[in-house]
Amino acid sequence: MARYVTVTLQQRAVSCRVELLDAQAPVTCDAVWEVLPVTGDAVHAKFARNEVYALVPRITQAPRRENPTVTPIPGDVCLFDFEPWEINNPAFGYEPGSEAYAAQGATDLALFYGRNNLLINGDVGWVPGNVFGTVVDGFEQMAVACNDLWRNGFVGEHLTFARD
């Protein structure tokens, strides 16, 4: 039986429905499912292009690589696992004390809403993500809201992942 997650931009009151890809990423799906609901500050990607994500406490049960990609497509939902040293560069813009500076590292849960994404970071190189879900409903409205984050800022916005 399929499992679903709702991804919501809280301030913008926009949600989409995501089907978990249990056949392709079973360990990642289980690890994410077990920590839901989870909310973090919404951030628009600086390097990847059409990505909105939240850093959340590290999901230690998630595998380092499962169903990985460096070229996510619109509607992909990915998990990235980061060691503390990988994302605490001040150039990334995270505040000291934020999840990016956590001693145990952090998990990045991301939604890709447009084409031509390339997951490379000037500090660490390629950054493969585990594709664990795909948007099945509400994509168009979410893409508009994500683009609004890029154009008008994401301060105060939160991204929530919850069981559907």
N, C-alpha and C. Protein backbone atom coordinates (compact mmCIF):
# COMPACT_ATOMS: atom_id res chain seq x y z
N MET A 1 0.84 -1.18 0.00
CA MET A 1 0.00 0.00 0.00
C MET A 1 0.88 1.25 0.00
N ALA A 2 0.57 2.19 -0.84
CA ALA A 2 1.35 3.42 -0.96
C ALA A 2 1.23 4.27 0.30
N ARG A 3 2.32 4.96 0.61
CA ARG A 3 2.34 5.92 1.73
C ARG A 3 2.53 7.32 1.14
N TYR A 4 1.91 8.29 1.81
CA TYR A 4 1.95 9.66 1.33
C TYR A 4 2.37 10.61 2.44
N VAL A 5 3.00 11.71 2.00
CA VAL A 5 3.44 12.78 2.89
C VAL A 5 2.90 14.08 2.33
N THR A 6 2.52 14.99 3.20
CA THR A 6 2.13 16.33 2.80
C THR A 6 3.29 17.26 3.10
N VAL A 7 3.67 18.06 2.10
CA VAL A 7 4.72 19.06 2.26
C VAL A 7 4.04 20.42 2.19
N THR A 8 4.30 21.26 3.20
CA THR A 8 3.58 22.52 3.33
C THR A 8 4.54 23.68 3.55
N LEU A 9 4.33 24.76 2.80
CA LEU A 9 4.95 26.04 3.11
C LEU A 9 3.95 26.76 4.01
N GLN A 10 4.30 26.91 5.28
CA GLN A 10 3.34 27.36 6.30
C GLN A 10 2.82 28.77 6.05
N GLN A 11 3.69 29.77 5.88
CA GLN A 11 3.24 31.15 5.70
C GLN A 11 2.40 31.32 4.44
N ARG A 12 2.78 30.63 3.41
CA ARG A 12 2.09 30.77 2.13
C ARG A 12 0.85 29.87 2.05
N ALA A 13 0.66 29.01 3.05
CA ALA A 13 -0.50 28.12 3.14
C ALA A 13 -0.69 27.31 1.85
N VAL A 14 0.42 26.74 1.37
CA VAL A 14 0.39 25.93 0.16
C VAL A 14 0.98 24.56 0.49
N SER A 15 0.30 23.51 0.02
CA SER A 15 0.75 22.14 0.26
C SER A 15 0.73 21.34 -1.02
N CYS A 16 1.51 20.27 -1.01
CA CYS A 16 1.44 19.29 -2.08
C CYS A 16 1.50 17.91 -1.45
N ARG A 17 1.03 16.94 -2.20
CA ARG A 17 1.00 15.55 -1.72
C ARG A 17 2.12 14.78 -2.41
N VAL A 18 2.88 14.04 -1.62
CA VAL A 18 4.04 13.31 -2.11
C VAL A 18 3.84 11.82 -1.85
N GLU A 19 4.04 11.02 -2.89
CA GLU A 19 4.02 9.57 -2.71
C GLU A 19 5.44 9.11 -2.42
N LEU A 20 5.58 8.33 -1.34
CA LEU A 20 6.89 7.78 -1.01
C LEU A 20 7.27 6.69 -2.00
N LEU A 21 8.54 6.65 -2.37
CA LEU A 21 9.04 5.67 -3.33
C LEU A 21 9.62 4.48 -2.57
N ASP A 22 8.73 3.75 -1.91
CA ASP A 22 9.15 2.63 -1.06
C ASP A 22 9.92 1.56 -1.83
N ALA A 23 9.60 1.33 -3.09
CA ALA A 23 10.29 0.29 -3.86
C ALA A 23 11.71 0.70 -4.21
N GLN A 24 11.93 1.99 -4.45
CA GLN A 24 13.24 2.46 -4.86
C GLN A 24 14.14 2.88 -3.69
N ALA A 25 13.54 3.35 -2.61
CA ALA A 25 14.31 3.86 -1.47
C ALA A 25 13.67 3.44 -0.15
N PRO A 26 13.56 2.14 0.10
CA PRO A 26 12.82 1.68 1.28
C PRO A 26 13.40 2.12 2.61
N VAL A 27 14.71 2.13 2.75
CA VAL A 27 15.31 2.51 4.03
C VAL A 27 15.14 4.00 4.28
N THR A 28 15.34 4.81 3.24
CA THR A 28 15.16 6.25 3.38
C THR A 28 13.70 6.57 3.70
N CYS A 29 12.77 5.95 2.99
CA CYS A 29 11.34 6.19 3.24
C CYS A 29 10.98 5.85 4.69
N ASP A 30 11.43 4.70 5.18
CA ASP A 30 11.13 4.31 6.56
C ASP A 30 11.73 5.30 7.56
N ALA A 31 12.97 5.72 7.30
CA ALA A 31 13.64 6.64 8.23
C ALA A 31 12.91 7.98 8.29
N VAL A 32 12.50 8.50 7.14
CA VAL A 32 11.76 9.77 7.12
C VAL A 32 10.40 9.58 7.78
N TRP A 33 9.69 8.53 7.43
CA TRP A 33 8.35 8.27 7.97
C TRP A 33 8.36 8.27 9.50
N GLU A 34 9.39 7.68 10.08
CA GLU A 34 9.46 7.54 11.54
C GLU A 34 9.64 8.87 12.26
N VAL A 35 10.20 9.89 11.63
CA VAL A 35 10.42 11.17 12.32
C VAL A 35 9.31 12.19 12.07
N LEU A 36 8.38 11.86 11.18
CA LEU A 36 7.32 12.82 10.85
C LEU A 36 6.31 12.98 11.97
N PRO A 37 5.77 14.19 12.15
CA PRO A 37 5.98 15.40 11.36
C PRO A 37 7.27 16.11 11.77
N VAL A 38 7.84 16.85 10.82
CA VAL A 38 9.05 17.61 11.08
C VAL A 38 8.94 18.94 10.32
N THR A 39 9.38 20.00 10.98
CA THR A 39 9.33 21.35 10.41
C THR A 39 10.69 22.01 10.58
N GLY A 40 11.08 22.77 9.59
CA GLY A 40 12.30 23.56 9.67
C GLY A 40 12.13 24.86 8.91
N ASP A 41 13.07 25.76 9.11
CA ASP A 41 13.05 27.00 8.34
C ASP A 41 13.14 26.66 6.86
N ALA A 42 12.26 27.25 6.07
CA ALA A 42 12.31 27.04 4.62
C ALA A 42 13.46 27.87 4.06
N VAL A 43 14.23 27.24 3.18
CA VAL A 43 15.36 27.91 2.53
C VAL A 43 15.29 27.62 1.04
N HIS A 44 15.56 28.63 0.23
CA HIS A 44 15.67 28.40 -1.20
C HIS A 44 17.13 28.13 -1.51
N ALA A 45 17.41 27.11 -2.31
CA ALA A 45 18.77 26.71 -2.62
C ALA A 45 19.56 27.84 -3.25
N LYS A 46 20.85 27.85 -2.91
CA LYS A 46 21.77 28.82 -3.47
C LYS A 46 22.51 28.24 -4.67
N PHE A 47 22.81 26.94 -4.63
CA PHE A 47 23.60 26.30 -5.67
C PHE A 47 22.77 25.42 -6.60
N ALA A 48 21.81 24.68 -6.07
CA ALA A 48 21.12 23.64 -6.84
C ALA A 48 20.13 24.16 -7.85
N ARG A 49 19.62 25.33 -7.68
CA ARG A 49 18.73 26.03 -8.58
C ARG A 49 17.29 26.03 -8.10
N ASN A 50 16.46 25.06 -8.48
CA ASN A 50 15.02 25.08 -8.20
C ASN A 50 14.68 24.14 -7.05
N GLU A 51 15.18 24.48 -5.88
CA GLU A 51 15.03 23.62 -4.69
C GLU A 51 14.63 24.47 -3.50
N VAL A 52 13.65 23.97 -2.76
CA VAL A 52 13.30 24.53 -1.46
C VAL A 52 13.49 23.42 -0.45
N TYR A 53 14.13 23.75 0.67
CA TYR A 53 14.45 22.70 1.64
C TYR A 53 14.36 23.22 3.06
N ALA A 54 14.41 22.26 3.98
CA ALA A 54 14.50 22.56 5.41
C ALA A 54 15.58 21.69 6.00
N LEU A 55 16.42 22.28 6.83
CA LEU A 55 17.38 21.51 7.61
C LEU A 55 16.67 21.07 8.88
N VAL A 56 16.75 19.79 9.19
CA VAL A 56 16.09 19.22 10.37
C VAL A 56 17.14 18.41 11.15
N PRO A 57 16.83 18.05 12.38
CA PRO A 57 17.79 17.22 13.12
C PRO A 57 18.15 15.98 12.30
N ARG A 58 19.38 15.59 12.41
CA ARG A 58 19.89 14.49 11.58
C ARG A 58 19.08 13.22 11.77
N ILE A 59 18.67 12.64 10.66
CA ILE A 59 17.95 11.37 10.66
C ILE A 59 19.00 10.28 10.52
N THR A 60 19.46 9.79 11.64
CA THR A 60 20.61 8.87 11.63
C THR A 60 20.29 7.52 11.01
N GLN A 61 19.02 7.13 10.93
CA GLN A 61 18.65 5.84 10.35
C GLN A 61 18.67 5.87 8.82
N ALA A 62 18.74 7.06 8.23
CA ALA A 62 18.73 7.17 6.77
C ALA A 62 20.08 6.74 6.21
N PRO A 63 20.06 6.01 5.10
CA PRO A 63 21.33 5.60 4.49
C PRO A 63 22.04 6.78 3.84
N ARG A 64 23.32 6.69 3.77
CA ARG A 64 24.10 7.74 3.11
C ARG A 64 23.72 7.83 1.62
N ARG A 65 23.55 6.70 0.95
CA ARG A 65 23.17 6.69 -0.46
C ARG A 65 22.11 5.60 -0.71
N GLU A 66 20.99 6.01 -1.28
CA GLU A 66 19.95 5.08 -1.70
C GLU A 66 19.11 5.81 -2.74
N ASN A 67 19.01 5.26 -3.94
CA ASN A 67 18.31 5.89 -5.05
C ASN A 67 18.84 7.33 -5.27
N PRO A 68 20.17 7.46 -5.38
CA PRO A 68 20.77 8.79 -5.43
C PRO A 68 20.65 9.46 -6.80
N THR A 69 20.72 10.79 -6.77
CA THR A 69 20.79 11.58 -7.99
C THR A 69 21.59 12.85 -7.72
N VAL A 70 22.16 13.41 -8.77
CA VAL A 70 22.72 14.75 -8.74
C VAL A 70 21.99 15.65 -9.74
N THR A 71 20.94 15.10 -10.38
CA THR A 71 20.13 15.86 -11.34
C THR A 71 18.65 15.64 -11.07
N PRO A 72 18.15 16.08 -9.92
CA PRO A 72 16.73 15.86 -9.62
C PRO A 72 15.82 16.58 -10.62
N ILE A 73 14.66 15.99 -10.82
CA ILE A 73 13.68 16.55 -11.76
C ILE A 73 12.53 17.19 -10.97
N PRO A 74 11.72 18.01 -11.64
CA PRO A 74 10.58 18.62 -10.96
C PRO A 74 9.70 17.57 -10.30
N GLY A 75 9.38 17.81 -9.03
CA GLY A 75 8.54 16.90 -8.27
C GLY A 75 9.32 15.92 -7.42
N ASP A 76 10.64 15.83 -7.61
CA ASP A 76 11.44 14.95 -6.75
C ASP A 76 11.51 15.52 -5.34
N VAL A 77 11.47 14.62 -4.37
CA VAL A 77 11.66 14.97 -2.96
C VAL A 77 12.85 14.15 -2.49
N CYS A 78 13.85 14.84 -1.95
CA CYS A 78 15.12 14.19 -1.64
C CYS A 78 15.54 14.41 -0.20
N LEU A 79 16.37 13.48 0.26
CA LEU A 79 17.01 13.58 1.56
C LEU A 79 18.51 13.70 1.33
N PHE A 80 19.12 14.64 2.02
CA PHE A 80 20.57 14.81 2.01
C PHE A 80 21.05 14.68 3.45
N ASP A 81 22.11 13.92 3.63
CA ASP A 81 22.68 13.72 4.96
C ASP A 81 24.01 14.46 5.00
N PHE A 82 24.17 15.35 6.00
CA PHE A 82 25.38 16.17 6.08
C PHE A 82 26.10 15.99 7.41
N GLU A 83 27.39 15.84 7.28
CA GLU A 83 28.26 15.92 8.45
C GLU A 83 28.34 17.40 8.84
N PRO A 84 28.67 17.70 10.11
CA PRO A 84 28.72 19.11 10.53
C PRO A 84 29.64 19.98 9.67
N TRP A 85 30.79 19.48 9.29
CA TRP A 85 31.76 20.29 8.54
C TRP A 85 31.29 20.59 7.12
N GLU A 86 30.33 19.83 6.58
CA GLU A 86 29.93 20.01 5.20
C GLU A 86 29.07 21.24 4.95
N ILE A 87 28.37 21.73 5.98
CA ILE A 87 27.42 22.82 5.73
C ILE A 87 27.56 24.00 6.68
N ASN A 88 28.62 24.06 7.47
CA ASN A 88 28.71 25.17 8.42
C ASN A 88 29.58 26.32 7.93
N ASN A 89 29.85 26.39 6.64
CA ASN A 89 30.59 27.52 6.08
C ASN A 89 29.72 28.77 6.19
N PRO A 90 30.22 29.87 6.77
CA PRO A 90 29.42 31.09 6.90
C PRO A 90 28.90 31.62 5.57
N ALA A 91 29.55 31.30 4.46
CA ALA A 91 29.09 31.76 3.15
C ALA A 91 27.72 31.19 2.79
N PHE A 92 27.33 30.07 3.42
CA PHE A 92 26.02 29.50 3.15
C PHE A 92 24.90 30.32 3.75
N GLY A 93 25.22 31.16 4.73
CA GLY A 93 24.23 32.06 5.30
C GLY A 93 23.47 31.54 6.50
N TYR A 94 23.80 30.37 7.01
CA TYR A 94 23.12 29.85 8.19
C TYR A 94 23.64 30.55 9.44
N GLU A 95 22.76 30.77 10.38
CA GLU A 95 23.13 31.42 11.63
C GLU A 95 23.82 30.44 12.56
N PRO A 96 24.88 30.87 13.26
CA PRO A 96 25.45 30.00 14.30
C PRO A 96 24.34 29.61 15.28
N GLY A 97 24.34 28.36 15.67
CA GLY A 97 23.28 27.86 16.55
C GLY A 97 22.14 27.21 15.77
N SER A 98 22.13 27.38 14.45
CA SER A 98 21.07 26.76 13.64
C SER A 98 21.38 25.29 13.42
N GLU A 99 20.45 24.59 12.79
CA GLU A 99 20.62 23.16 12.53
C GLU A 99 21.88 22.89 11.71
N ALA A 100 22.29 23.84 10.87
CA ALA A 100 23.49 23.65 10.06
C ALA A 100 24.75 23.54 10.90
N TYR A 101 24.70 24.07 12.10
CA TYR A 101 25.87 24.06 12.97
C TYR A 101 25.78 22.97 14.04
N ALA A 102 24.80 22.10 13.94
CA ALA A 102 24.61 21.07 14.96
C ALA A 102 25.80 20.12 14.99
N ALA A 103 26.21 19.75 16.17
CA ALA A 103 27.39 18.90 16.34
C ALA A 103 27.22 17.53 15.68
N GLN A 104 25.98 17.04 15.58
CA GLN A 104 25.74 15.72 15.00
C GLN A 104 25.51 15.77 13.49
N GLY A 105 25.54 16.95 12.90
CA GLY A 105 25.22 17.08 11.48
C GLY A 105 23.74 17.39 11.31
N ALA A 106 23.28 17.34 10.09
CA ALA A 106 21.88 17.67 9.82
C ALA A 106 21.38 16.90 8.61
N THR A 107 20.07 16.81 8.54
CA THR A 107 19.40 16.26 7.37
C THR A 107 18.71 17.39 6.64
N ASP A 108 18.79 17.37 5.35
CA ASP A 108 18.15 18.35 4.48
C ASP A 108 17.04 17.59 3.75
N LEU A 109 15.79 18.01 3.95
CA LEU A 109 14.65 17.45 3.21
C LEU A 109 14.26 18.49 2.17
N ALA A 110 14.28 18.09 0.90
CA ALA A 110 14.17 19.06 -0.18
C ALA A 110 13.10 18.68 -1.20
N LEU A 111 12.49 19.71 -1.75
CA LEU A 111 11.51 19.58 -2.83
C LEU A 111 12.06 20.34 -4.04
N PHE A 112 12.10 19.67 -5.18
CA PHE A 112 12.56 20.30 -6.42
C PHE A 112 11.34 20.65 -7.25
N TYR A 113 11.28 21.91 -7.71
CA TYR A 113 10.07 22.39 -8.37
C TYR A 113 10.28 22.85 -9.81
N GLY A 114 11.47 22.74 -10.32
CA GLY A 114 11.74 23.15 -11.69
C GLY A 114 12.82 22.29 -12.31
N ARG A 115 13.11 22.54 -13.58
CA ARG A 115 14.08 21.75 -14.33
C ARG A 115 15.50 22.29 -14.17
N ASN A 116 16.45 21.53 -14.72
CA ASN A 116 17.85 21.94 -14.85
C ASN A 116 18.56 22.12 -13.50
N ASN A 117 18.30 21.23 -12.59
CA ASN A 117 18.98 21.25 -11.29
C ASN A 117 20.27 20.44 -11.40
N LEU A 118 21.31 20.91 -10.74
CA LEU A 118 22.58 20.22 -10.71
C LEU A 118 23.14 20.34 -9.30
N LEU A 119 23.31 19.22 -8.65
CA LEU A 119 23.69 19.22 -7.24
C LEU A 119 25.21 19.20 -7.07
N ILE A 120 25.77 20.39 -7.18
CA ILE A 120 27.20 20.56 -6.97
C ILE A 120 27.41 21.79 -6.10
N ASN A 121 28.35 21.68 -5.20
CA ASN A 121 28.64 22.74 -4.24
C ASN A 121 30.13 23.07 -4.36
N GLY A 122 30.45 24.32 -4.47
CA GLY A 122 31.83 24.75 -4.64
C GLY A 122 32.76 24.33 -3.53
N ASP A 123 32.23 24.13 -2.33
CA ASP A 123 33.07 23.75 -1.19
C ASP A 123 33.33 22.25 -1.10
N VAL A 124 32.34 21.44 -1.48
CA VAL A 124 32.47 19.99 -1.26
C VAL A 124 32.33 19.16 -2.53
N GLY A 125 31.95 19.76 -3.64
CA GLY A 125 31.80 19.01 -4.89
C GLY A 125 30.39 18.49 -5.09
N TRP A 126 30.29 17.31 -5.69
CA TRP A 126 28.97 16.71 -5.95
C TRP A 126 28.26 16.41 -4.65
N VAL A 127 26.94 16.64 -4.63
CA VAL A 127 26.13 16.42 -3.43
C VAL A 127 24.92 15.55 -3.81
N PRO A 128 25.13 14.22 -3.92
CA PRO A 128 24.00 13.35 -4.27
C PRO A 128 22.94 13.34 -3.18
N GLY A 129 21.70 13.31 -3.62
CA GLY A 129 20.57 13.21 -2.70
C GLY A 129 19.81 11.93 -2.94
N ASN A 130 19.19 11.40 -1.89
CA ASN A 130 18.34 10.21 -2.00
C ASN A 130 16.94 10.64 -2.42
N VAL A 131 16.52 10.23 -3.60
CA VAL A 131 15.16 10.53 -4.05
C VAL A 131 14.24 9.52 -3.35
N PHE A 132 13.37 10.04 -2.46
CA PHE A 132 12.49 9.14 -1.71
C PHE A 132 11.01 9.42 -1.93
N GLY A 133 10.69 10.44 -2.72
CA GLY A 133 9.28 10.73 -2.98
C GLY A 133 9.11 11.52 -4.26
N THR A 134 7.87 11.53 -4.74
CA THR A 134 7.52 12.31 -5.92
C THR A 134 6.17 12.98 -5.69
N VAL A 135 6.06 14.23 -6.08
CA VAL A 135 4.82 14.97 -5.91
C VAL A 135 3.76 14.40 -6.85
N VAL A 136 2.59 14.08 -6.28
CA VAL A 136 1.50 13.52 -7.08
C VAL A 136 0.27 14.41 -7.13
N ASP A 137 0.24 15.44 -6.30
CA ASP A 137 -0.91 16.35 -6.30
C ASP A 137 -0.46 17.70 -5.73
N GLY A 138 -0.93 18.78 -6.35
CA GLY A 138 -0.64 20.12 -5.86
C GLY A 138 0.68 20.70 -6.33
N PHE A 139 1.29 20.06 -7.35
CA PHE A 139 2.60 20.50 -7.80
C PHE A 139 2.59 21.93 -8.33
N GLU A 140 1.63 22.29 -9.16
CA GLU A 140 1.63 23.60 -9.81
C GLU A 140 1.58 24.72 -8.79
N GLN A 141 0.70 24.61 -7.78
CA GLN A 141 0.59 25.65 -6.76
C GLN A 141 1.86 25.72 -5.92
N MET A 142 2.45 24.56 -5.63
CA MET A 142 3.67 24.53 -4.84
C MET A 142 4.82 25.16 -5.63
N ALA A 143 4.91 24.88 -6.92
CA ALA A 143 5.97 25.46 -7.74
C ALA A 143 5.89 26.98 -7.76
N VAL A 144 4.68 27.51 -7.87
CA VAL A 144 4.49 28.97 -7.84
C VAL A 144 4.95 29.53 -6.50
N ALA A 145 4.58 28.86 -5.41
CA ALA A 145 4.97 29.33 -4.08
C ALA A 145 6.48 29.24 -3.88
N CYS A 146 7.10 28.17 -4.38
CA CYS A 146 8.55 28.02 -4.28
C CYS A 146 9.27 29.11 -5.06
N ASN A 147 8.78 29.42 -6.25
CA ASN A 147 9.38 30.50 -7.04
C ASN A 147 9.21 31.84 -6.32
N ASP A 148 8.09 32.02 -5.63
CA ASP A 148 7.88 33.23 -4.85
C ASP A 148 8.92 33.34 -3.73
N LEU A 149 9.31 32.21 -3.14
CA LEU A 149 10.38 32.23 -2.14
C LEU A 149 11.65 32.78 -2.74
N TRP A 150 11.97 32.36 -3.96
CA TRP A 150 13.18 32.82 -4.63
C TRP A 150 13.11 34.33 -4.89
N ARG A 151 11.99 34.78 -5.39
CA ARG A 151 11.86 36.18 -5.80
C ARG A 151 11.65 37.13 -4.64
N ASN A 152 10.92 36.70 -3.61
CA ASN A 152 10.51 37.63 -2.55
C ASN A 152 11.07 37.30 -1.18
N GLY A 153 11.83 36.24 -1.07
CA GLY A 153 12.48 35.94 0.21
C GLY A 153 11.77 34.87 1.01
N PHE A 154 12.55 34.22 1.86
CA PHE A 154 12.01 33.12 2.64
C PHE A 154 12.09 33.35 4.14
N VAL A 155 12.44 34.56 4.58
CA VAL A 155 12.54 34.86 6.00
C VAL A 155 11.19 34.62 6.66
N GLY A 156 11.20 33.83 7.72
CA GLY A 156 9.99 33.55 8.48
C GLY A 156 9.16 32.40 7.94
N GLU A 157 9.51 31.88 6.78
CA GLU A 157 8.75 30.77 6.20
C GLU A 157 9.25 29.45 6.77
N HIS A 158 8.35 28.51 6.94
CA HIS A 158 8.68 27.18 7.43
C HIS A 158 8.16 26.13 6.47
N LEU A 159 8.93 25.04 6.35
CA LEU A 159 8.57 23.92 5.49
C LEU A 159 8.30 22.73 6.40
N THR A 160 7.12 22.14 6.25
CA THR A 160 6.71 21.03 7.08
C THR A 160 6.48 19.78 6.23
N PHE A 161 6.98 18.66 6.73
CA PHE A 161 6.74 17.34 6.14
C PHE A 161 5.93 16.57 7.17
N ALA A 162 4.76 16.07 6.76
CA ALA A 162 3.89 15.35 7.70
C ALA A 162 3.25 14.15 7.00
N ARG A 163 2.92 13.16 7.79
CA ARG A 163 2.21 11.99 7.23
C ARG A 163 0.87 12.45 6.69
N ASP A 164 0.49 11.87 5.58
CA ASP A 164 -0.79 12.20 4.94
C ASP A 164 -1.82 11.15 5.29
